[in-house]
Amino acid sequence: MNSIGMFGAARRCTGTALRYGRGLAAALAIGALMPAVAIAQTQAGAAPGPWQYTASIYVYLPSVSGSTAFPADSGGTTINVNGDKILSNLKFAAMGTFGAHNGAWGGFTDVIYLNFGNSKSNSRDFTIGNSLPASTAANLDWHLDGWLWTLAGDYRLLSDPSWNVDLLAGTRLLNVHERLSWSISGSVGSLDPAARSSSSEVSQNVWDAIVGVKGRYSFGANREWSLPFYLDAGTGGSASTFQAAAGISYAFKWAEIVAMWRYIGYNAKSGKAIEDLSFNGPLIGAVFRW
């Protein structure tokens, strides 16, 4: 290659290198600016000032599912039942939340009380120990009531006219009591015949540490519409617990009306009578802010 060709190739290489260099510099500059933009967005709604409060009341109509092993006789035989096949009737529910926020920091508490119960005649939705003899059926009367209490602090990661996103950490208590009465016809298998007609109760009190995220996306002419969401997971007294909710809301001058779908699930550690438990269903409520 002659000197002119070599010089032209060198210029092309230099030009390419400069373009890549400028592109890399621009990318690095944008990357360096992104945290600053995020911080600016966070600080826009995070300056300390007057405390802001929210309170809500809502109706939650979940279905319940889960497995429980009820001690049935002195020999250690259990009657095992599955809640999603029997506990179909929600008898009573009471629930509400309260939150407070100042700048980036805040906290909230959420309390739910649920009461389920149902009776089934000639049911085969159970096992005696690990099996159910072919000729066996029972009249079953099952009740479940309990509390779910969440208490957490939160830190605002993002605040702008459209988005609010909070990181949360705290604890949740599951306090549940179950009672089963049965009258078995046919073979009782490994069960003591004296326990053919009897009842049993189990209770569980479980504390778990949780971490998660919550927030909303607001839109509309005056951002009166929003899409709230919530997600947490934890462990401790249970092997794992998980909660998720999402929905839509509309803000009036006097309150905000919210409709969401909410799921709360528990997986118990081995050896527990209440093996797993979950609540899954819609809720609708009103949120008041001041």
C-alpha atoms as a PDB file:
ATOM      1  CA  MET A   1       0.000   0.000   0.000  1.00  0.00           C
ATOM      2  CA  ASN A   2       1.367   3.521  -0.886  1.00  0.00           C
ATOM      3  CA  SER A   3       1.710   6.320   1.619  1.00  0.00           C
ATOM      4  CA  ILE A   4      -1.488   8.033   0.477  1.00  0.00           C
ATOM      5  CA  GLY A   5      -3.494   4.828   0.943  1.00  0.00           C
ATOM      6  CA  MET A   6      -1.899   4.246   4.309  1.00  0.00           C
ATOM      7  CA  PHE A   7      -2.706   7.813   5.340  1.00  0.00           C
ATOM      8  CA  GLY A   8      -6.358   7.439   4.218  1.00  0.00           C
ATOM      9  CA  ALA A   9      -6.747   4.146   6.093  1.00  0.00           C
ATOM     10  CA  ALA A  10      -5.253   5.748   9.178  1.00  0.00           C
ATOM     11  CA  ARG A  11      -7.719   8.638   8.926  1.00  0.00           C
ATOM     12  CA  ARG A  12     -10.619   6.223   8.551  1.00  0.00           C
ATOM     13  CA  CYS A  13      -9.462   4.244  11.596  1.00  0.00           C
ATOM     14  CA  THR A  14      -8.966   7.429  13.559  1.00  0.00           C
ATOM     15  CA  GLY A  15     -12.409   8.684  12.568  1.00  0.00           C
ATOM     16  CA  THR A  16     -14.005   5.386  13.546  1.00  0.00           C
ATOM     17  CA  ALA A  17     -12.162   5.423  16.862  1.00  0.00           C
ATOM     18  CA  LEU A  18     -13.278   8.989  17.497  1.00  0.00           C
ATOM     19  CA  ARG A  19     -16.905   8.107  16.711  1.00  0.00           C
ATOM     20  CA  TYR A  20     -16.763   5.097  19.029  1.00  0.00           C
ATOM     21  CA  GLY A  21     -15.015   7.241  21.604  1.00  0.00           C
ATOM     22  CA  ARG A  22     -17.679   9.944  21.396  1.00  0.00           C
ATOM     23  CA  GLY A  23     -20.412   7.288  21.591  1.00  0.00           C
ATOM     24  CA  LEU A  24     -18.765   5.670  24.589  1.00  0.00           C
ATOM     25  CA  ALA A  25     -18.314   9.036  26.272  1.00  0.00           C
ATOM     26  CA  ALA A  26     -21.968   9.886  25.639  1.00  0.00           C
ATOM     27  CA  ALA A  27     -23.066   6.520  27.012  1.00  0.00           C
ATOM     28  CA  LEU A  28     -20.894   6.997  30.095  1.00  0.00           C
ATOM     29  CA  ALA A  29     -22.270  10.504  30.568  1.00  0.00           C
ATOM     30  CA  ILE A  30     -25.855   9.274  30.285  1.00  0.00           C
ATOM     31  CA  GLY A  31     -25.064   6.427  32.679  1.00  0.00           C
ATOM     32  CA  ALA A  32     -23.527   8.886  35.119  1.00  0.00           C
ATOM     33  CA  LEU A  33     -26.588  11.136  34.876  1.00  0.00           C
ATOM     34  CA  MET A  34     -29.153   8.368  35.475  1.00  0.00           C
ATOM     35  CA  PRO A  35     -28.544   8.112  39.256  1.00  0.00           C
ATOM     36  CA  ALA A  36     -28.730  11.909  39.463  1.00  0.00           C
ATOM     37  CA  VAL A  37     -32.074  11.872  37.621  1.00  0.00           C
ATOM     38  CA  ALA A  38     -33.396   9.140  39.927  1.00  0.00           C
ATOM     39  CA  ILE A  39     -32.190  11.075  42.997  1.00  0.00           C
ATOM     40  CA  ALA A  40     -33.786  14.259  41.678  1.00  0.00           C
ATOM     41  CA  GLN A  41     -37.063  12.432  41.136  1.00  0.00           C
ATOM     42  CA  THR A  42     -36.901  10.957  44.618  1.00  0.00           C
ATOM     43  CA  GLN A  43     -35.994  14.225  46.296  1.00  0.00           C
ATOM     44  CA  ALA A  44     -38.759  16.059  44.463  1.00  0.00           C
ATOM     45  CA  GLY A  45     -41.345  14.425  46.717  1.00  0.00           C
ATOM     46  CA  ALA A  46     -39.102  13.477  49.618  1.00  0.00           C
ATOM     47  CA  ALA A  47     -38.319  16.766  51.348  1.00  0.00           C
ATOM     48  CA  PRO A  48     -39.258  16.647  55.043  1.00  0.00           C
ATOM     49  CA  GLY A  49     -42.374  18.604  55.872  1.00  0.00           C
ATOM     50  CA  PRO A  50     -45.787  18.139  57.470  1.00  0.00           C
ATOM     51  CA  TRP A  51     -46.813  14.577  58.197  1.00  0.00           C
ATOM     52  CA  GLN A  52     -49.261  13.092  55.706  1.00  0.00           C
ATOM     53  CA  TYR A  53     -51.686  10.360  56.788  1.00  0.00           C
ATOM     54  CA  THR A  54     -53.843   7.765  55.044  1.00  0.00           C
ATOM     55  CA  ALA A  55     -56.543   5.506  56.437  1.00  0.00           C
ATOM     56  CA  SER A  56     -58.621   2.976  54.580  1.00  0.00           C
ATOM     57  CA  ILE A  57     -61.487   0.628  55.165  1.00  0.00           C
ATOM     58  CA  TYR A  58     -62.178  -2.118  52.693  1.00  0.00           C
ATOM     59  CA  VAL A  59     -64.090  -5.288  52.003  1.00  0.00           C
ATOM     60  CA  TYR A  60     -61.974  -8.339  51.172  1.00  0.00           C
ATOM     61  CA  LEU A  61     -63.793 -11.399  49.795  1.00  0.00           C
ATOM     62  CA  PRO A  62     -61.185 -14.136  49.424  1.00  0.00           C
ATOM     63  CA  SER A  63     -61.483 -17.840  48.901  1.00  0.00           C
ATOM     64  CA  VAL A  64     -59.359 -19.921  51.270  1.00  0.00           C
ATOM     65  CA  SER A  65     -57.282 -22.984  50.522  1.00  0.00           C
ATOM     66  CA  GLY A  66     -54.796 -25.040  52.456  1.00  0.00           C
ATOM     67  CA  SER A  67     -54.171 -28.349  54.183  1.00  0.00           C
ATOM     68  CA  THR A  68     -54.476 -29.063  57.894  1.00  0.00           C
ATOM     69  CA  ALA A  69     -53.735 -32.230  59.869  1.00  0.00           C
ATOM     70  CA  PHE A  70     -56.055 -32.465  62.892  1.00  0.00           C
ATOM     71  CA  PRO A  71     -54.933 -34.801  65.719  1.00  0.00           C
ATOM     72  CA  ALA A  72     -57.704 -37.417  65.907  1.00  0.00           C
ATOM     73  CA  ASP A  73     -56.729 -39.977  68.558  1.00  0.00           C
ATOM     74  CA  SER A  74     -54.119 -40.708  71.221  1.00  0.00           C
ATOM     75  CA  GLY A  75     -52.206 -42.952  68.818  1.00  0.00           C
ATOM     76  CA  GLY A  76     -51.112 -40.030  66.636  1.00  0.00           C
ATOM     77  CA  THR A  77     -53.527 -40.633  63.756  1.00  0.00           C
ATOM     78  CA  THR A  78     -54.582 -37.437  62.017  1.00  0.00           C
ATOM     79  CA  ILE A  79     -57.555 -36.455  59.924  1.00  0.00           C
ATOM     80  CA  ASN A  80     -56.255 -34.401  57.020  1.00  0.00           C
ATOM     81  CA  VAL A  81     -58.544 -31.996  55.207  1.00  0.00           C
ATOM     82  CA  ASN A  82     -58.154 -29.592  52.311  1.00  0.00           C
ATOM     83  CA  GLY A  83     -59.638 -26.149  52.836  1.00  0.00           C
ATOM     84  CA  ASP A  84     -60.393 -25.287  49.217  1.00  0.00           C
ATOM     85  CA  LYS A  85     -62.834 -28.214  49.065  1.00  0.00           C
ATOM     86  CA  ILE A  86     -64.658 -27.509  52.330  1.00  0.00           C
ATOM     87  CA  LEU A  87     -64.095 -23.947  53.602  1.00  0.00           C
ATOM     88  CA  SER A  88     -66.223 -22.231  50.977  1.00  0.00           C
ATOM     89  CA  ASN A  89     -68.239 -19.842  53.153  1.00  0.00           C
ATOM     90  CA  LEU A  90     -66.859 -16.529  54.387  1.00  0.00           C
ATOM     91  CA  LYS A  91     -68.887 -15.715  57.491  1.00  0.00           C
ATOM     92  CA  PHE A  92     -67.355 -12.423  58.569  1.00  0.00           C
ATOM     93  CA  ALA A  93     -64.491 -10.096  57.706  1.00  0.00           C
ATOM     94  CA  ALA A  94     -63.155  -6.850  59.141  1.00  0.00           C
ATOM     95  CA  MET A  95     -60.128  -4.997  57.866  1.00  0.00           C
ATOM     96  CA  GLY A  96     -58.386  -1.641  57.581  1.00  0.00           C
ATOM     97  CA  THR A  97     -55.056   0.139  57.116  1.00  0.00           C
ATOM     98  CA  PHE A  98     -53.337   3.228  58.468  1.00  0.00           C
ATOM     99  CA  GLY A  99     -50.201   4.923  57.159  1.00  0.00           C
ATOM    100  CA  ALA A 100     -48.058   7.977  57.860  1.00  0.00           C
ATOM    101  CA  HIS A 101     -45.405   9.674  55.718  1.00  0.00           C
ATOM    102  CA  ASN A 102     -42.946  12.537  56.187  1.00  0.00           C
ATOM    103  CA  GLY A 103     -40.529  13.210  53.363  1.00  0.00           C
ATOM    104  CA  ALA A 104     -38.970   9.962  52.167  1.00  0.00           C
ATOM    105  CA  TRP A 105     -39.761   8.006  55.332  1.00  0.00           C
ATOM    106  CA  GLY A 106     -43.000   6.489  56.502  1.00  0.00           C
ATOM    107  CA  GLY A 107     -44.763   3.437  57.836  1.00  0.00           C
ATOM    108  CA  PHE A 108     -48.062   1.607  57.751  1.00  0.00           C
ATOM    109  CA  THR A 109     -50.089  -1.089  59.438  1.00  0.00           C
ATOM    110  CA  ASP A 110     -52.686  -3.407  57.913  1.00  0.00           C
ATOM    111  CA  VAL A 111     -55.094  -5.609  59.888  1.00  0.00           C
ATOM    112  CA  ILE A 112     -57.429  -8.321  58.556  1.00  0.00           C
ATOM    113  CA  TYR A 113     -59.820 -10.537  60.506  1.00  0.00           C
ATOM    114  CA  LEU A 114     -61.444 -13.442  58.640  1.00  0.00           C
ATOM    115  CA  ASN A 115     -63.932 -16.091  59.704  1.00  0.00           C
ATOM    116  CA  PHE A 116     -64.751 -19.076  57.484  1.00  0.00           C
ATOM    117  CA  GLY A 117     -66.918 -22.109  58.089  1.00  0.00           C
ATOM    118  CA  ASN A 118     -68.829 -24.842  56.318  1.00  0.00           C
ATOM    119  CA  SER A 119     -70.434 -28.244  56.830  1.00  0.00           C
ATOM    120  CA  LYS A 120     -70.516 -31.167  54.385  1.00  0.00           C
ATOM    121  CA  SER A 121     -72.458 -34.410  54.607  1.00  0.00           C
ATOM    122  CA  ASN A 122     -71.191 -37.758  53.306  1.00  0.00           C
ATOM    123  CA  SER A 123     -67.944 -36.108  52.296  1.00  0.00           C
ATOM    124  CA  ARG A 124     -64.810 -37.875  51.112  1.00  0.00           C
ATOM    125  CA  ASP A 125     -62.699 -34.696  51.087  1.00  0.00           C
ATOM    126  CA  PHE A 126     -60.389 -35.935  53.835  1.00  0.00           C
ATOM    127  CA  THR A 127     -57.961 -38.728  54.671  1.00  0.00           C
ATOM    128  CA  ILE A 128     -57.336 -40.774  57.802  1.00  0.00           C
ATOM    129  CA  GLY A 129     -53.584 -40.707  58.157  1.00  0.00           C
ATOM    130  CA  ASN A 130     -52.411 -40.954  54.557  1.00  0.00           C
ATOM    131  CA  SER A 131     -55.334 -42.848  53.080  1.00  0.00           C
ATOM    132  CA  LEU A 132     -59.102 -43.097  52.868  1.00  0.00           C
ATOM    133  CA  PRO A 133     -60.702 -46.571  52.842  1.00  0.00           C
ATOM    134  CA  ALA A 134     -63.061 -47.085  49.920  1.00  0.00           C
ATOM    135  CA  SER A 135     -66.167 -47.420  52.092  1.00  0.00           C
ATOM    136  CA  THR A 136     -65.478 -44.359  54.221  1.00  0.00           C
ATOM    137  CA  ALA A 137     -67.379 -41.050  54.278  1.00  0.00           C
ATOM    138  CA  ALA A 138     -68.005 -38.458  56.959  1.00  0.00           C
ATOM    139  CA  ASN A 139     -70.090 -35.527  58.031  1.00  0.00           C
ATOM    140  CA  LEU A 140     -67.602 -32.687  58.483  1.00  0.00           C
ATOM    141  CA  ASP A 141     -68.002 -29.321  60.187  1.00  0.00           C
ATOM    142  CA  TRP A 142     -64.942 -27.061  59.785  1.00  0.00           C
ATOM    143  CA  HIS A 143     -64.368 -23.532  61.066  1.00  0.00           C
ATOM    144  CA  LEU A 144     -61.380 -21.220  60.611  1.00  0.00           C
ATOM    145  CA  ASP A 145     -60.867 -17.772  62.053  1.00  0.00           C
ATOM    146  CA  GLY A 146     -57.771 -15.662  62.343  1.00  0.00           C
ATOM    147  CA  TRP A 147     -55.891 -12.404  62.144  1.00  0.00           C
ATOM    148  CA  LEU A 148     -53.322 -11.141  59.673  1.00  0.00           C
ATOM    149  CA  TRP A 149     -51.414  -8.125  60.947  1.00  0.00           C
ATOM    150  CA  THR A 150     -48.704  -6.365  58.942  1.00  0.00           C
ATOM    151  CA  LEU A 151     -46.504  -3.643  60.431  1.00  0.00           C
ATOM    152  CA  ALA A 152     -43.752  -2.095  58.286  1.00  0.00           C
ATOM    153  CA  GLY A 153     -41.662   0.970  57.619  1.00  0.00           C
ATOM    154  CA  ASP A 154     -41.056   2.284  54.118  1.00  0.00           C
ATOM    155  CA  TYR A 155     -38.638   4.521  52.216  1.00  0.00           C
ATOM    156  CA  ARG A 156     -39.619   6.387  49.050  1.00  0.00           C
ATOM    157  CA  LEU A 157     -37.372   5.340  46.184  1.00  0.00           C
ATOM    158  CA  LEU A 158     -39.142   7.333  43.485  1.00  0.00           C
ATOM    159  CA  SER A 159     -41.560  10.257  43.564  1.00  0.00           C
ATOM    160  CA  ASP A 160     -42.721  12.235  40.558  1.00  0.00           C
ATOM    161  CA  PRO A 161     -46.127  13.313  39.206  1.00  0.00           C
ATOM    162  CA  SER A 162     -46.767   9.851  37.731  1.00  0.00           C
ATOM    163  CA  TRP A 163     -44.886   7.392  39.928  1.00  0.00           C
ATOM    164  CA  ASN A 164     -44.558   6.684  43.635  1.00  0.00           C
ATOM    165  CA  VAL A 165     -42.469   3.654  44.595  1.00  0.00           C
ATOM    166  CA  ASP A 166     -41.630   2.683  48.191  1.00  0.00           C
ATOM    167  CA  LEU A 167     -39.283   0.042  49.545  1.00  0.00           C
ATOM    168  CA  LEU A 168     -40.730  -1.610  52.659  1.00  0.00           C
ATOM    169  CA  ALA A 169     -39.506  -3.837  55.477  1.00  0.00           C
ATOM    170  CA  GLY A 170     -41.283  -5.093  58.557  1.00  0.00           C
ATOM    171  CA  THR A 171     -43.128  -8.044  60.025  1.00  0.00           C
ATOM    172  CA  ARG A 172     -46.391  -9.937  59.593  1.00  0.00           C
ATOM    173  CA  LEU A 173     -48.307 -11.980  62.139  1.00  0.00           C
ATOM    174  CA  LEU A 174     -50.578 -14.872  61.219  1.00  0.00           C
ATOM    175  CA  ASN A 175     -52.781 -15.920  64.116  1.00  0.00           C
ATOM    176  CA  VAL A 176     -55.185 -18.659  63.088  1.00  0.00           C
ATOM    177  CA  HIS A 177     -57.455 -21.114  64.859  1.00  0.00           C
ATOM    178  CA  GLU A 178     -59.189 -24.081  63.210  1.00  0.00           C
ATOM    179  CA  ARG A 179     -61.782 -26.504  64.551  1.00  0.00           C
ATOM    180  CA  LEU A 180     -63.015 -29.706  62.889  1.00  0.00           C
ATOM    181  CA  SER A 181     -65.884 -31.946  64.008  1.00  0.00           C
ATOM    182  CA  TRP A 182     -66.515 -35.260  62.251  1.00  0.00           C
ATOM    183  CA  SER A 183     -68.758 -38.282  62.259  1.00  0.00           C
ATOM    184  CA  ILE A 184     -67.335 -41.110  60.148  1.00  0.00           C
ATOM    185  CA  SER A 185     -69.336 -43.908  58.556  1.00  0.00           C
ATOM    186  CA  GLY A 186     -67.801 -47.049  57.088  1.00  0.00           C
ATOM    187  CA  SER A 187     -64.242 -48.143  57.794  1.00  0.00           C
ATOM    188  CA  VAL A 188     -62.130 -45.918  60.049  1.00  0.00           C
ATOM    189  CA  GLY A 189     -58.799 -47.426  58.932  1.00  0.00           C
ATOM    190  CA  SER A 190     -56.002 -46.722  61.418  1.00  0.00           C
ATOM    191  CA  LEU A 191     -58.193 -44.432  63.531  1.00  0.00           C
ATOM    192  CA  ASP A 192     -59.208 -45.563  67.024  1.00  0.00           C
ATOM    193  CA  PRO A 193     -62.889 -46.655  66.673  1.00  0.00           C
ATOM    194  CA  ALA A 194     -63.668 -44.570  69.773  1.00  0.00           C
ATOM    195  CA  ALA A 195     -62.790 -41.479  67.734  1.00  0.00           C
ATOM    196  CA  ARG A 196     -65.291 -42.267  64.962  1.00  0.00           C
ATOM    197  CA  SER A 197     -67.286 -39.209  66.089  1.00  0.00           C
ATOM    198  CA  SER A 198     -65.194 -36.483  67.669  1.00  0.00           C
ATOM    199  CA  SER A 199     -63.654 -33.056  67.188  1.00  0.00           C
ATOM    200  CA  SER A 200     -60.202 -31.479  67.221  1.00  0.00           C
ATOM    201  CA  GLU A 201     -58.689 -27.987  67.270  1.00  0.00           C
ATOM    202  CA  VAL A 202     -55.368 -26.555  66.104  1.00  0.00           C
ATOM    203  CA  SER A 203     -53.934 -23.068  66.469  1.00  0.00           C
ATOM    204  CA  GLN A 204     -50.900 -21.371  65.027  1.00  0.00           C
ATOM    205  CA  ASN A 205     -49.176 -18.091  65.830  1.00  0.00           C
ATOM    206  CA  VAL A 206     -46.545 -17.200  63.205  1.00  0.00           C
ATOM    207  CA  TRP A 207     -44.276 -14.145  62.990  1.00  0.00           C
ATOM    208  CA  ASP A 208     -42.346 -13.515  59.771  1.00  0.00           C
ATOM    209  CA  ALA A 209     -39.943 -10.800  58.639  1.00  0.00           C
ATOM    210  CA  ILE A 210     -40.958  -9.329  55.273  1.00  0.00           C
ATOM    211  CA  VAL A 211     -39.439  -7.076  52.619  1.00  0.00           C
ATOM    212  CA  GLY A 212     -41.144  -5.732  49.541  1.00  0.00           C
ATOM    213  CA  VAL A 213     -42.213  -2.829  47.388  1.00  0.00           C
ATOM    214  CA  LYS A 214     -45.407  -0.831  46.967  1.00  0.00           C
ATOM    215  CA  GLY A 215     -46.509   2.141  44.929  1.00  0.00           C
ATOM    216  CA  ARG A 216     -48.738   3.459  42.186  1.00  0.00           C
ATOM    217  CA  TYR A 217     -48.780   4.829  38.673  1.00  0.00           C
ATOM    218  CA  SER A 218     -51.081   7.875  38.269  1.00  0.00           C
ATOM    219  CA  PHE A 219     -52.633   9.087  35.038  1.00  0.00           C
ATOM    220  CA  GLY A 220     -55.549  11.098  33.654  1.00  0.00           C
ATOM    221  CA  ALA A 221     -56.134  14.808  33.100  1.00  0.00           C
ATOM    222  CA  ASN A 222     -55.633  15.547  36.803  1.00  0.00           C
ATOM    223  CA  ARG A 223     -53.982  12.209  37.611  1.00  0.00           C
ATOM    224  CA  GLU A 224     -57.210  11.138  39.269  1.00  0.00           C
ATOM    225  CA  TRP A 225     -56.772   7.563  38.029  1.00  0.00           C
ATOM    226  CA  SER A 226     -54.025   5.325  39.359  1.00  0.00           C
ATOM    227  CA  LEU A 227     -52.799   1.742  39.303  1.00  0.00           C
ATOM    228  CA  PRO A 228     -51.733   0.754  42.835  1.00  0.00           C
ATOM    229  CA  PHE A 229     -49.569  -2.301  43.468  1.00  0.00           C
ATOM    230  CA  TYR A 230     -48.051  -4.140  46.436  1.00  0.00           C
ATOM    231  CA  LEU A 231     -45.603  -7.047  46.741  1.00  0.00           C
ATOM    232  CA  ASP A 232     -43.840  -8.604  49.720  1.00  0.00           C
ATOM    233  CA  ALA A 233     -42.164 -11.870  50.681  1.00  0.00           C
ATOM    234  CA  GLY A 234     -40.697 -13.171  53.899  1.00  0.00           C
ATOM    235  CA  THR A 235     -39.796 -15.997  56.217  1.00  0.00           C
ATOM    236  CA  GLY A 236     -39.287 -16.719  59.889  1.00  0.00           C
ATOM    237  CA  GLY A 237     -41.966 -18.643  61.722  1.00  0.00           C
ATOM    238  CA  SER A 238     -43.121 -20.020  58.364  1.00  0.00           C
ATOM    239  CA  ALA A 239     -40.977 -21.544  55.643  1.00  0.00           C
ATOM    240  CA  SER A 240     -42.167 -18.722  53.373  1.00  0.00           C
ATOM    241  CA  THR A 241     -44.918 -16.178  53.009  1.00  0.00           C
ATOM    242  CA  PHE A 242     -45.901 -14.106  50.003  1.00  0.00           C
ATOM    243  CA  GLN A 243     -48.374 -11.309  49.365  1.00  0.00           C
ATOM    244  CA  ALA A 244     -49.300  -9.545  46.129  1.00  0.00           C
ATOM    245  CA  ALA A 245     -52.011  -7.078  45.171  1.00  0.00           C
ATOM    246  CA  ALA A 246     -52.770  -4.894  42.161  1.00  0.00           C
ATOM    247  CA  GLY A 247     -55.740  -2.963  40.869  1.00  0.00           C
ATOM    248  CA  ILE A 248     -57.139   0.431  39.925  1.00  0.00           C
ATOM    249  CA  SER A 249     -58.350   3.480  41.847  1.00  0.00           C
ATOM    250  CA  TYR A 250     -60.133   6.769  41.248  1.00  0.00           C
ATOM    251  CA  ALA A 251     -59.661   9.855  43.420  1.00  0.00           C
ATOM    252  CA  PHE A 252     -62.646  12.008  44.342  1.00  0.00           C
ATOM    253  CA  LYS A 253     -62.336  15.175  46.430  1.00  0.00           C
ATOM    254  CA  TRP A 254     -63.563  13.376  49.531  1.00  0.00           C
ATOM    255  CA  ALA A 255     -61.779  10.001  49.151  1.00  0.00           C
ATOM    256  CA  GLU A 256     -60.195   7.527  46.783  1.00  0.00           C
ATOM    257  CA  ILE A 257     -62.088   4.392  45.731  1.00  0.00           C
ATOM    258  CA  VAL A 258     -59.858   1.354  45.201  1.00  0.00           C
ATOM    259  CA  ALA A 259     -60.552  -2.057  43.633  1.00  0.00           C
ATOM    260  CA  MET A 260     -57.787  -4.672  43.754  1.00  0.00           C
ATOM    261  CA  TRP A 261     -57.077  -8.383  43.639  1.00  0.00           C
ATOM    262  CA  ARG A 262     -55.125  -9.633  46.666  1.00  0.00           C
ATOM    263  CA  TYR A 263     -53.299 -12.881  47.370  1.00  0.00           C
ATOM    264  CA  ILE A 264     -51.724 -13.898  50.698  1.00  0.00           C
ATOM    265  CA  GLY A 265     -50.003 -17.282  50.981  1.00  0.00           C
ATOM    266  CA  TYR A 266     -48.141 -19.284  53.626  1.00  0.00           C
ATOM    267  CA  ASN A 267     -46.010 -22.426  53.434  1.00  0.00           C
ATOM    268  CA  ALA A 268     -45.439 -23.938  56.863  1.00  0.00           C
ATOM    269  CA  LYS A 269     -42.272 -25.524  58.160  1.00  0.00           C
ATOM    270  CA  SER A 270     -42.332 -29.326  58.358  1.00  0.00           C
ATOM    271  CA  GLY A 271     -44.162 -30.871  61.284  1.00  0.00           C
ATOM    272  CA  LYS A 272     -46.783 -28.120  61.591  1.00  0.00           C
ATOM    273  CA  ALA A 273     -50.467 -29.034  61.815  1.00  0.00           C
ATOM    274  CA  ILE A 274     -51.412 -26.227  59.405  1.00  0.00           C
ATOM    275  CA  GLU A 275     -49.315 -27.259  56.421  1.00  0.00           C
ATOM    276  CA  ASP A 276     -50.161 -24.409  54.050  1.00  0.00           C
ATOM    277  CA  LEU A 277     -52.745 -21.659  53.858  1.00  0.00           C
ATOM    278  CA  SER A 278     -53.694 -19.012  51.310  1.00  0.00           C
ATOM    279  CA  PHE A 279     -56.315 -16.328  50.773  1.00  0.00           C
ATOM    280  CA  ASN A 280     -57.105 -15.153  47.264  1.00  0.00           C
ATOM    281  CA  GLY A 281     -59.779 -12.760  46.059  1.00  0.00           C
ATOM    282  CA  PRO A 282     -61.030  -9.237  45.295  1.00  0.00           C
ATOM    283  CA  LEU A 283     -61.226  -6.240  47.576  1.00  0.00           C
ATOM    284  CA  ILE A 284     -62.843  -2.831  47.309  1.00  0.00           C
ATOM    285  CA  GLY A 285     -62.263   0.031  49.688  1.00  0.00           C
ATOM    286  CA  ALA A 286     -62.111   3.748  50.360  1.00  0.00           C
ATOM    287  CA  VAL A 287     -58.888   5.605  51.178  1.00  0.00           C
ATOM    288  CA  PHE A 288     -58.919   8.891  53.098  1.00  0.00           C
ATOM    289  CA  ARG A 289     -55.928  11.269  53.081  1.00  0.00           C
ATOM    290  CA  TRP A 290     -55.136  14.264  55.230  1.00  0.00           C
END
